[in-house]
N, C-alpha and C. Protein backbone atom coordinates (compact mmCIF):
# COMPACT_ATOMS: atom_id res chain seq x y z
N UNK A 1 92.28 103.48 117.55
CA UNK A 1 91.03 104.21 117.52
C UNK A 1 90.27 103.81 116.27
N UNK A 2 89.00 103.56 116.43
CA UNK A 2 88.17 103.15 115.30
C UNK A 2 86.86 103.92 115.36
N UNK A 3 86.51 104.56 114.28
CA UNK A 3 85.26 105.31 114.20
C UNK A 3 84.28 104.49 113.39
N UNK A 4 83.15 104.13 113.98
CA UNK A 4 82.19 103.27 113.30
C UNK A 4 80.81 103.92 113.25
N UNK A 5 80.55 104.73 112.22
CA UNK A 5 79.22 105.32 112.09
C UNK A 5 78.24 104.32 111.48
N UNK A 6 77.05 104.78 111.14
CA UNK A 6 76.09 103.92 110.47
C UNK A 6 76.63 103.54 109.10
N UNK A 7 76.39 102.30 108.72
CA UNK A 7 76.87 101.80 107.44
C UNK A 7 75.72 101.58 106.48
N UNK A 8 76.04 101.49 105.19
CA UNK A 8 75.07 101.11 104.18
C UNK A 8 75.28 99.64 103.88
N UNK A 9 74.21 98.89 103.79
CA UNK A 9 74.37 97.50 103.42
C UNK A 9 74.37 97.39 101.90
N UNK A 10 75.10 96.43 101.41
CA UNK A 10 75.24 96.22 99.97
C UNK A 10 74.31 95.09 99.56
N UNK A 11 73.42 95.38 98.63
CA UNK A 11 72.54 94.33 98.12
C UNK A 11 71.50 93.91 99.14
N UNK A 12 71.22 92.64 99.20
CA UNK A 12 70.21 92.05 100.05
C UNK A 12 70.63 92.13 101.52
N UNK A 13 69.70 92.45 102.39
CA UNK A 13 70.00 92.54 103.82
C UNK A 13 70.47 91.20 104.38
N UNK A 14 70.07 90.08 103.76
CA UNK A 14 70.45 88.77 104.26
C UNK A 14 71.94 88.48 104.08
N UNK A 15 72.61 89.19 103.18
CA UNK A 15 74.02 88.92 102.92
C UNK A 15 74.91 89.46 104.03
N UNK A 16 74.46 90.47 104.75
CA UNK A 16 75.23 91.09 105.83
C UNK A 16 76.56 91.66 105.36
N UNK A 17 76.67 92.03 104.10
CA UNK A 17 77.88 92.67 103.60
C UNK A 17 77.69 94.17 103.72
N UNK A 18 78.61 94.84 104.39
CA UNK A 18 78.53 96.27 104.62
C UNK A 18 79.63 96.94 103.80
N UNK A 19 79.27 97.94 103.01
CA UNK A 19 80.27 98.69 102.24
C UNK A 19 80.62 99.97 102.99
N UNK A 20 81.86 100.44 102.82
CA UNK A 20 82.32 101.62 103.53
C UNK A 20 83.52 102.22 102.82
N UNK A 21 83.92 103.39 103.26
CA UNK A 21 85.16 104.04 102.83
C UNK A 21 86.05 104.09 104.05
N UNK A 22 87.27 103.58 103.92
CA UNK A 22 88.20 103.53 105.06
C UNK A 22 89.43 104.38 104.75
N UNK A 23 89.88 105.11 105.75
CA UNK A 23 91.08 105.95 105.62
C UNK A 23 92.03 105.60 106.76
N UNK A 24 93.30 105.36 106.41
CA UNK A 24 94.30 105.03 107.42
C UNK A 24 95.70 105.25 106.86
N UNK A 25 96.69 105.27 107.75
CA UNK A 25 98.09 105.40 107.33
C UNK A 25 98.58 104.03 106.89
N UNK A 26 99.08 103.95 105.65
CA UNK A 26 99.61 102.69 105.11
C UNK A 26 101.13 102.72 105.17
N UNK A 27 101.70 101.83 105.95
CA UNK A 27 103.16 101.77 106.07
C UNK A 27 103.79 101.48 104.71
N UNK A 28 103.15 100.63 103.91
CA UNK A 28 103.68 100.26 102.60
C UNK A 28 103.85 101.49 101.70
N UNK A 29 102.86 102.39 101.72
CA UNK A 29 102.88 103.58 100.87
C UNK A 29 103.47 104.80 101.57
N UNK A 30 103.66 104.69 102.88
CA UNK A 30 104.18 105.77 103.72
C UNK A 30 103.35 107.05 103.60
N UNK A 31 102.02 106.85 103.56
CA UNK A 31 101.10 107.98 103.52
C UNK A 31 99.70 107.52 103.91
N UNK A 32 98.82 108.48 104.13
CA UNK A 32 97.43 108.18 104.45
C UNK A 32 96.72 107.84 103.15
N UNK A 33 95.99 106.71 103.15
CA UNK A 33 95.26 106.28 101.97
C UNK A 33 93.78 106.14 102.27
N UNK A 34 92.96 106.20 101.25
CA UNK A 34 91.53 106.00 101.36
C UNK A 34 91.13 104.93 100.36
N UNK A 35 90.35 103.95 100.81
CA UNK A 35 89.93 102.83 99.97
C UNK A 35 88.45 102.55 100.17
N UNK A 36 87.83 101.94 99.17
CA UNK A 36 86.48 101.41 99.29
C UNK A 36 86.61 99.97 99.76
N UNK A 37 85.80 99.58 100.73
CA UNK A 37 85.90 98.23 101.25
C UNK A 37 84.55 97.66 101.62
N UNK A 38 84.55 96.38 101.97
CA UNK A 38 83.34 95.76 102.51
C UNK A 38 83.71 94.72 103.55
N UNK A 39 82.68 94.24 104.23
CA UNK A 39 82.87 93.30 105.33
C UNK A 39 82.33 91.92 104.98
N UNK A 40 82.85 91.34 103.93
CA UNK A 40 82.43 89.98 103.56
C UNK A 40 82.98 88.97 104.56
N UNK A 41 82.59 87.71 104.42
CA UNK A 41 83.06 86.67 105.34
C UNK A 41 84.58 86.66 105.36
N UNK A 42 85.16 86.71 106.52
CA UNK A 42 86.62 86.77 106.68
C UNK A 42 87.08 88.10 107.24
N UNK A 43 86.23 89.12 107.15
CA UNK A 43 86.58 90.42 107.74
C UNK A 43 86.52 90.30 109.25
N UNK A 44 87.44 90.99 109.91
CA UNK A 44 87.45 90.92 111.38
C UNK A 44 88.30 92.03 111.96
N UNK A 45 88.08 92.31 113.23
CA UNK A 45 88.93 93.19 114.01
C UNK A 45 89.61 92.32 115.05
N UNK A 46 90.92 92.46 115.16
CA UNK A 46 91.67 91.61 116.07
C UNK A 46 92.92 92.32 116.57
N UNK A 47 93.57 91.72 117.55
CA UNK A 47 94.80 92.27 118.13
C UNK A 47 95.93 91.30 117.87
N UNK A 48 97.06 91.79 117.33
CA UNK A 48 98.20 90.91 117.05
C UNK A 48 99.03 90.70 118.31
N UNK A 49 100.08 89.92 118.18
CA UNK A 49 100.92 89.58 119.34
C UNK A 49 101.67 90.77 119.92
N UNK A 50 101.79 91.86 119.14
CA UNK A 50 102.44 93.07 119.63
C UNK A 50 101.46 94.04 120.29
N UNK A 51 100.17 93.67 120.29
CA UNK A 51 99.15 94.51 120.89
C UNK A 51 98.54 95.54 119.95
N UNK A 52 98.86 95.47 118.65
CA UNK A 52 98.28 96.40 117.68
C UNK A 52 96.89 95.93 117.30
N UNK A 53 95.95 96.87 117.27
CA UNK A 53 94.60 96.57 116.82
C UNK A 53 94.60 96.57 115.30
N UNK A 54 94.01 95.54 114.67
CA UNK A 54 94.02 95.38 113.22
C UNK A 54 92.60 95.13 112.73
N UNK A 55 92.25 95.78 111.62
CA UNK A 55 90.97 95.55 110.95
C UNK A 55 91.27 94.94 109.58
N UNK A 56 90.84 93.70 109.37
CA UNK A 56 91.01 93.02 108.09
C UNK A 56 89.73 93.20 107.30
N UNK A 57 89.84 93.73 106.08
CA UNK A 57 88.67 94.02 105.25
C UNK A 57 88.96 93.68 103.80
N UNK A 58 87.93 93.57 102.97
CA UNK A 58 88.07 93.32 101.54
C UNK A 58 88.16 94.65 100.82
N UNK A 59 89.26 94.89 100.10
CA UNK A 59 89.49 96.13 99.35
C UNK A 59 88.79 96.01 98.00
N UNK A 60 87.75 96.80 97.80
CA UNK A 60 86.99 96.77 96.55
C UNK A 60 87.77 97.39 95.39
N UNK A 61 88.73 98.26 95.69
CA UNK A 61 89.51 98.92 94.64
C UNK A 61 90.50 97.96 93.97
N UNK A 62 91.04 97.03 94.74
CA UNK A 62 92.03 96.10 94.17
C UNK A 62 91.63 94.63 94.29
N UNK A 63 90.41 94.37 94.75
CA UNK A 63 89.89 93.01 94.90
C UNK A 63 90.85 92.11 95.68
N UNK A 64 91.16 92.54 96.90
CA UNK A 64 92.02 91.74 97.76
C UNK A 64 91.87 92.12 99.22
N UNK A 65 92.38 91.27 100.10
CA UNK A 65 92.33 91.52 101.53
C UNK A 65 93.38 92.55 101.92
N UNK A 66 93.01 93.43 102.85
CA UNK A 66 93.92 94.45 103.37
C UNK A 66 93.77 94.52 104.88
N UNK A 67 94.82 95.02 105.55
CA UNK A 67 94.81 95.22 106.99
C UNK A 67 95.06 96.68 107.30
N UNK A 68 94.18 97.27 108.07
CA UNK A 68 94.39 98.62 108.61
C UNK A 68 94.83 98.41 110.06
N UNK A 69 95.92 99.08 110.46
CA UNK A 69 96.42 98.87 111.82
C UNK A 69 96.31 100.14 112.66
N UNK A 70 96.11 99.92 113.95
CA UNK A 70 96.06 100.95 114.99
C UNK A 70 94.94 101.97 114.83
N UNK A 71 95.03 102.83 113.83
CA UNK A 71 94.05 103.92 113.70
C UNK A 71 93.46 103.94 112.30
N UNK A 72 92.15 103.98 112.21
CA UNK A 72 91.48 104.09 110.93
C UNK A 72 90.16 104.80 111.12
N UNK A 73 89.67 105.38 110.05
CA UNK A 73 88.37 106.07 110.08
C UNK A 73 87.51 105.44 109.01
N UNK A 74 86.29 105.08 109.38
CA UNK A 74 85.36 104.45 108.45
C UNK A 74 84.17 105.38 108.27
N UNK A 75 83.83 105.65 107.00
CA UNK A 75 82.66 106.48 106.68
C UNK A 75 81.65 105.67 105.92
């Protein structure tokens, strides 16, 4: 399940970078986490070989790529 409301664009409209707050269950931390992210080049939504829906995004809090799996909420 993915909730996609209206987003705010970051900087110039020509860059097409969208900033957001994402919340999802992180297996690594074994809890629900909330992060600031954006959709720079390389971000995507895809399905892995097990059928899990995955959203790859840039984590602005730690300056690295992250994957949210199955269920996430974007504000």
